[in-house]
Protein backbone atom coordinates (compact mmCIF):
# COMPACT_ATOMS: atom_id res chain seq x y z
CA MET A 1 0.13 -0.16 0.31
CA SER A 2 1.30 3.30 -1.05
CA ALA A 3 2.11 6.01 2.02
CA ILE A 4 -0.81 8.37 0.68
CA PHE A 5 -3.39 5.79 1.85
CA ASN A 6 -1.82 4.72 4.73
CA PHE A 7 -1.76 7.42 7.59
CA GLN A 8 1.39 5.84 9.24
CA SER A 9 3.27 5.89 6.19
CA LEU A 10 2.23 9.31 5.21
CA LEU A 11 3.51 11.01 8.81
CA THR A 12 6.62 8.77 8.44
CA VAL A 13 7.36 10.04 5.11
CA ILE A 14 6.35 13.69 6.30
CA LEU A 15 8.51 13.46 9.41
CA LEU A 16 11.85 11.99 7.41
CA LEU A 17 11.13 14.68 5.21
CA ILE A 18 11.47 17.55 7.65
CA CYS A 19 14.26 15.80 8.92
CA THR A 20 16.49 15.36 5.67
CA CYS A 21 15.56 19.12 4.97
CA ALA A 22 16.69 20.28 8.06
CA TYR A 23 19.96 18.16 7.98
CA ILE A 24 20.60 19.13 4.51
CA ARG A 25 20.44 22.52 5.44
CA SER A 26 22.64 22.40 8.36
CA LEU A 27 25.43 21.06 6.17
CA ALA A 28 24.78 23.90 2.87
CA PRO A 29 22.30 26.63 3.57
CA SER A 30 22.76 27.91 0.25
CA LEU A 31 21.42 24.93 -1.35
CA LEU A 32 17.92 25.34 0.12
CA ASP A 33 17.87 29.31 0.88
CA ARG A 34 17.97 30.15 -2.81
CA ASN A 35 14.60 28.62 -3.41
CA LYS A 36 11.80 29.99 -1.07
CA THR A 37 9.59 30.34 -3.35
CA GLY A 38 7.63 27.82 -6.12
CA LEU A 39 7.78 24.30 -6.08
CA LEU A 40 11.40 23.91 -4.19
CA GLY A 41 10.21 26.52 -1.57
CA ILE A 42 8.64 23.09 -0.03
CA PHE A 43 12.02 21.58 1.01
CA TRP A 44 12.93 25.18 2.38
CA LYS A 45 9.79 25.09 4.35
CA CYS A 46 10.10 21.47 5.61
CA ALA A 47 14.19 23.03 6.47
CA ARG A 48 12.36 25.71 8.74
CA ILE A 49 10.08 23.77 10.36
CA GLY A 50 12.55 20.82 11.30
CA GLU A 51 14.90 23.68 12.81
CA ARG A 52 12.29 26.03 14.95
CA LYS A 53 10.20 23.07 16.26
CA SER A 54 13.08 20.24 16.86
CA PRO A 55 12.07 19.32 19.98
CA TYR A 56 8.53 18.43 18.92
CA VAL A 57 9.72 16.73 15.55
CA ALA A 58 12.51 14.91 17.60
CA VAL A 59 9.58 13.41 20.11
CA CYS A 60 7.41 12.76 16.72
CA CYS A 61 10.31 10.38 15.75
CA ILE A 62 10.39 8.51 18.71
CA VAL A 63 6.62 7.88 18.98
CA MET A 64 6.56 6.78 15.44
CA ALA A 65 9.62 4.80 15.60
CA SER A 66 7.91 3.04 18.55
CA ALA A 67 4.55 2.64 17.44
CA SER A 68 6.33 1.07 14.11
CA LEU A 69 7.91 -1.14 16.38
CA PHE A 70 6.18 -2.66 18.71
CA ILE A 71 2.27 -1.70 17.45
CA GLN A 72 2.84 -3.50 14.20
C-alpha cells in the first residue's frame, strides 16, 4: 500500500522529509535558501519546521519509531 493511503506511512514520510531537509540545510544552507518560493520552496519550509520545532519533531520521530516497532 502506498504512503498516501496509509496514514502512519504518510506521517513517517513527512517526518523523514522534515528531518532530511533540516539536516541538508545545516550542511549547505545556500542550497535550500535560494529556493524559498515555488515548488522547491516546500523543502525550505520543511527545513524551517525542522529547525524551529526540533524538540517536537524529535519526540514525533521517537513516537513513530516505537509505534512502528511495537504496535505493528
